[in-house]
């Protein structure tokens, strides 16, 4: 249940409290939108699930659209946090990439509704300049790219454009989460991560002369 903000009239708005209330609403809102889609999502029904008045929801999110985008945003922030925690303190670029892949696929395995939100965002807001996922991806670009540069510099990855390598790798993972969603594939994320890493790092062609 979301607690209600009972501010005294005239008292300055407590932004810390507002942020906390918003974060309390968003997990349920994310599940709600994933279940009903955007157009069929009735904020009144969401409020009833939260055991608050509809006005309370609109107190923290001015419109249904604002609530939806905040839900998507919160989901991607949680993804990034999960990856950052997994790679914290790891200096070896290969280990860093390995941990990041496991964290990425593991997150979406635990939170399949976030994939649904990405699909809904694309379907309902096609005219948006850039989807939420890609907004965060671009912000993280240079930081993530540095890991691939390090792997190339130390000779682990053969000399090639690190940006090209990272984008292809990133696009592969992005495609996998949608394939899993659309096909209802039930492959454990740990196994799937190992398969992707094996092919990515070791390739599929035999070395010349190998029997």
Protein backbone atom coordinates (compact mmCIF):
# COMPACT_ATOMS: atom_id res chain seq x y z
CA UNK A 1 0.00 0.00 0.00
CA UNK A 2 1.24 3.47 -0.84
CA UNK A 3 1.15 5.89 2.08
CA UNK A 4 -0.65 9.19 1.57
CA UNK A 5 1.17 12.50 1.78
CA UNK A 6 -0.70 14.57 4.38
CA UNK A 7 1.03 17.91 4.01
CA UNK A 8 -0.06 20.88 6.05
CA UNK A 9 -1.32 23.71 3.85
CA UNK A 10 1.45 26.18 3.13
CA UNK A 11 4.26 23.84 4.11
CA UNK A 12 7.04 23.63 1.46
CA UNK A 13 6.89 20.58 -0.76
CA UNK A 14 9.23 17.85 0.52
CA UNK A 15 10.94 16.67 -2.67
CA UNK A 16 12.55 13.71 -0.88
CA UNK A 17 9.14 12.53 0.24
CA UNK A 18 7.71 13.05 -3.24
CA UNK A 19 10.51 10.97 -4.76
CA UNK A 20 9.88 8.20 -2.26
CA UNK A 21 6.13 8.18 -2.94
CA UNK A 22 6.78 8.02 -6.67
CA UNK A 23 9.13 5.08 -6.22
CA UNK A 24 6.45 3.29 -4.17
CA UNK A 25 3.92 3.64 -6.99
CA UNK A 26 6.14 2.70 -9.94
CA UNK A 27 6.68 -1.05 -9.30
CA UNK A 28 2.94 -1.75 -9.31
CA UNK A 29 2.40 0.66 -12.20
CA UNK A 30 5.01 -1.19 -14.27
CA UNK A 31 3.24 -4.52 -13.75
CA UNK A 32 -0.11 -2.86 -14.42
CA UNK A 33 0.90 -1.38 -17.77
CA UNK A 34 2.57 -4.63 -18.80
CA UNK A 35 -0.66 -6.48 -18.06
CA UNK A 36 -3.16 -4.09 -19.66
CA UNK A 37 -1.10 -2.16 -22.19
CA UNK A 38 -1.24 1.62 -22.34
CA UNK A 39 -4.62 2.37 -23.86
CA UNK A 40 -6.53 -0.11 -21.71
CA UNK A 41 -4.81 0.84 -18.47
CA UNK A 42 -7.29 2.60 -16.17
CA UNK A 43 -5.54 4.64 -13.49
CA UNK A 44 -8.55 4.13 -11.22
CA UNK A 45 -7.95 0.38 -11.25
CA UNK A 46 -4.27 0.94 -10.49
CA UNK A 47 -5.20 3.20 -7.59
CA UNK A 48 -7.46 0.48 -6.20
CA UNK A 49 -4.61 -2.01 -6.38
CA UNK A 50 -2.40 0.45 -4.53
CA UNK A 51 -5.22 1.08 -2.02
CA UNK A 52 -5.10 4.83 -2.55
CA UNK A 53 -7.33 7.35 -4.24
CA UNK A 54 -6.95 8.07 -7.94
CA UNK A 55 -6.06 11.65 -7.02
CA UNK A 56 -3.08 10.38 -5.05
CA UNK A 57 -1.62 8.79 -8.15
CA UNK A 58 -2.13 11.99 -10.12
CA UNK A 59 -0.56 13.97 -7.30
CA UNK A 60 2.76 12.35 -8.13
CA UNK A 61 2.24 11.83 -11.87
CA UNK A 62 0.28 14.53 -13.68
CA UNK A 63 -0.93 12.29 -16.52
CA UNK A 64 -1.19 8.61 -17.40
CA UNK A 65 1.47 9.21 -20.03
CA UNK A 66 3.84 10.64 -17.43
CA UNK A 67 3.20 7.63 -15.21
CA UNK A 68 3.89 5.24 -18.08
CA UNK A 69 7.17 6.87 -19.07
CA UNK A 70 8.26 7.00 -15.45
CA UNK A 71 7.55 3.27 -15.20
CA UNK A 72 9.70 2.52 -18.24
CA UNK A 73 12.42 4.83 -16.98
CA UNK A 74 12.46 3.15 -13.57
CA UNK A 75 12.77 -0.26 -15.21
CA UNK A 76 15.80 0.73 -17.28
CA UNK A 77 17.42 2.41 -14.29
CA UNK A 78 17.04 -0.85 -12.37
CA UNK A 79 18.66 -2.71 -15.28
CA UNK A 80 21.65 -0.40 -15.26
CA UNK A 81 21.96 -0.68 -11.48
CA UNK A 82 21.92 -4.49 -11.72
CA UNK A 83 24.71 -4.44 -14.30
CA UNK A 84 26.77 -1.88 -12.39
CA UNK A 85 26.54 -3.94 -9.21
CA UNK A 86 27.60 -7.08 -11.08
CA UNK A 87 30.73 -5.47 -12.58
CA UNK A 88 31.73 -3.27 -9.64
CA UNK A 89 35.47 -3.46 -8.96
CA UNK A 90 36.21 -5.80 -11.88
CA UNK A 91 39.20 -4.64 -13.90
CA UNK A 92 39.61 -7.56 -16.31
CA UNK A 93 37.59 -6.54 -19.39
CA UNK A 94 36.61 -10.10 -20.33
CA UNK A 95 35.34 -10.85 -16.84
CA UNK A 96 33.60 -7.47 -16.88
CA UNK A 97 31.79 -8.30 -20.13
CA UNK A 98 30.92 -11.78 -18.88
CA UNK A 99 29.40 -10.48 -15.65
CA UNK A 100 27.53 -7.76 -17.53
CA UNK A 101 25.95 -10.27 -19.92
CA UNK A 102 24.82 -12.49 -17.07
CA UNK A 103 23.39 -9.50 -15.21
CA UNK A 104 21.58 -8.20 -18.31
CA UNK A 105 19.89 -11.47 -19.20
CA UNK A 106 19.25 -12.31 -15.56
CA UNK A 107 17.49 -9.00 -15.03
CA UNK A 108 15.05 -9.57 -17.88
CA UNK A 109 14.51 -13.16 -16.80
CA UNK A 110 13.39 -11.86 -13.40
CA UNK A 111 11.52 -8.90 -14.86
CA UNK A 112 9.88 -9.98 -18.14
CA UNK A 113 7.27 -7.25 -17.72
CA UNK A 114 9.95 -4.65 -18.49
CA UNK A 115 10.25 -6.12 -22.00
CA UNK A 116 6.49 -5.69 -22.34
CA UNK A 117 6.87 -2.01 -21.43
CA UNK A 118 9.49 -1.54 -24.15
CA UNK A 119 7.15 -3.12 -26.68
CA UNK A 120 4.25 -0.93 -25.56
CA UNK A 121 6.37 2.22 -25.70
CA UNK A 122 7.34 1.48 -29.28
CA UNK A 123 3.77 0.64 -30.30
CA UNK A 124 2.03 3.58 -28.64
CA UNK A 125 4.64 6.31 -28.99
CA UNK A 126 6.21 5.69 -32.39
CA UNK A 127 6.75 9.40 -32.98
CA UNK A 128 8.91 9.79 -29.90
CA UNK A 129 12.37 10.96 -30.94
CA UNK A 130 14.19 8.26 -28.99
CA UNK A 131 12.86 5.39 -26.89
CA UNK A 132 13.79 5.27 -23.20
CA UNK A 133 16.05 2.23 -23.57
CA UNK A 134 18.15 3.94 -26.22
CA UNK A 135 18.31 7.21 -24.28
CA UNK A 136 20.05 5.35 -21.47
CA UNK A 137 22.12 3.29 -23.89
CA UNK A 138 23.60 6.43 -25.45
CA UNK A 139 24.36 7.93 -22.03
CA UNK A 140 26.24 4.76 -21.09
CA UNK A 141 28.00 4.44 -24.44
CA UNK A 142 31.43 5.84 -23.64
CA UNK A 143 31.66 4.06 -20.31
CA UNK A 144 30.74 0.67 -21.80
CA UNK A 145 32.94 1.28 -24.85
CA UNK A 146 36.02 1.70 -22.67
CA UNK A 147 35.76 -1.94 -21.58
CA UNK A 148 35.95 -3.15 -25.18
CA UNK A 149 38.84 -0.77 -25.88
CA UNK A 150 40.73 -2.30 -22.96
CA UNK A 151 40.10 -5.83 -24.22
CA UNK A 152 41.46 -4.88 -27.65
CA UNK A 153 44.44 -3.04 -26.17
CA UNK A 154 45.49 -6.05 -24.12
CA UNK A 155 45.10 -8.36 -27.12
CA UNK A 156 42.14 -10.37 -25.84
CA UNK A 157 39.93 -9.18 -28.70
CA UNK A 158 41.58 -8.97 -32.11
CA UNK A 159 42.29 -5.46 -33.45
CA UNK A 160 39.06 -3.97 -34.79
CA UNK A 161 36.74 -1.02 -34.27
CA UNK A 162 35.67 -1.28 -30.60
CA UNK A 163 32.49 0.70 -31.28
CA UNK A 164 31.50 -1.78 -33.98
CA UNK A 165 32.15 -4.74 -31.66
CA UNK A 166 30.21 -3.27 -28.76
CA UNK A 167 27.21 -2.20 -30.82
CA UNK A 168 26.91 -5.62 -32.46
CA UNK A 169 27.21 -7.33 -29.10
CA UNK A 170 24.68 -4.95 -27.54
CA UNK A 171 22.24 -5.41 -30.42
CA UNK A 172 22.51 -9.17 -30.07
CA UNK A 173 21.54 -9.07 -26.41
CA UNK A 174 18.71 -6.63 -27.14
CA UNK A 175 17.36 -8.99 -29.78
CA UNK A 176 17.58 -11.97 -27.45
CA UNK A 177 15.27 -10.47 -24.82
CA UNK A 178 12.57 -9.90 -27.43
CA UNK A 179 13.02 -13.34 -28.94
CA UNK A 180 12.65 -14.83 -25.48
CA UNK A 181 9.50 -12.79 -24.96
CA UNK A 182 7.83 -13.52 -28.29
CA UNK A 183 8.70 -17.23 -28.38
CA UNK A 184 8.01 -17.86 -24.67
CA UNK A 185 11.46 -19.41 -24.58
CA UNK A 186 12.23 -20.93 -21.19
CA UNK A 187 16.03 -21.08 -21.33
CA UNK A 188 17.70 -20.20 -17.99
CA UNK A 189 19.52 -16.89 -18.33
CA UNK A 190 22.75 -18.41 -17.01
CA UNK A 191 22.80 -21.03 -19.77
CA UNK A 192 21.82 -18.53 -22.44
CA UNK A 193 24.53 -16.11 -21.32
CA UNK A 194 27.18 -18.85 -21.50
CA UNK A 195 26.06 -19.83 -25.00
CA UNK A 196 26.24 -16.24 -26.25
CA UNK A 197 29.62 -15.63 -24.64
CA UNK A 198 31.02 -18.89 -26.03
CA UNK A 199 30.08 -17.98 -29.58
CA UNK A 200 31.08 -14.35 -29.18
CA UNK A 201 34.49 -15.06 -27.67
CA UNK A 202 35.34 -18.34 -29.39
CA UNK A 203 33.53 -18.06 -32.72
CA UNK A 204 31.95 -20.88 -34.76
CA UNK A 205 34.69 -21.60 -37.31
CA UNK A 206 37.44 -24.14 -36.75
CA UNK A 207 41.02 -23.01 -36.87
CA UNK A 208 42.73 -23.68 -40.22
CA UNK A 209 44.05 -27.21 -40.36
CA UNK A 210 42.08 -28.42 -37.36
CA UNK A 211 40.45 -31.80 -37.90
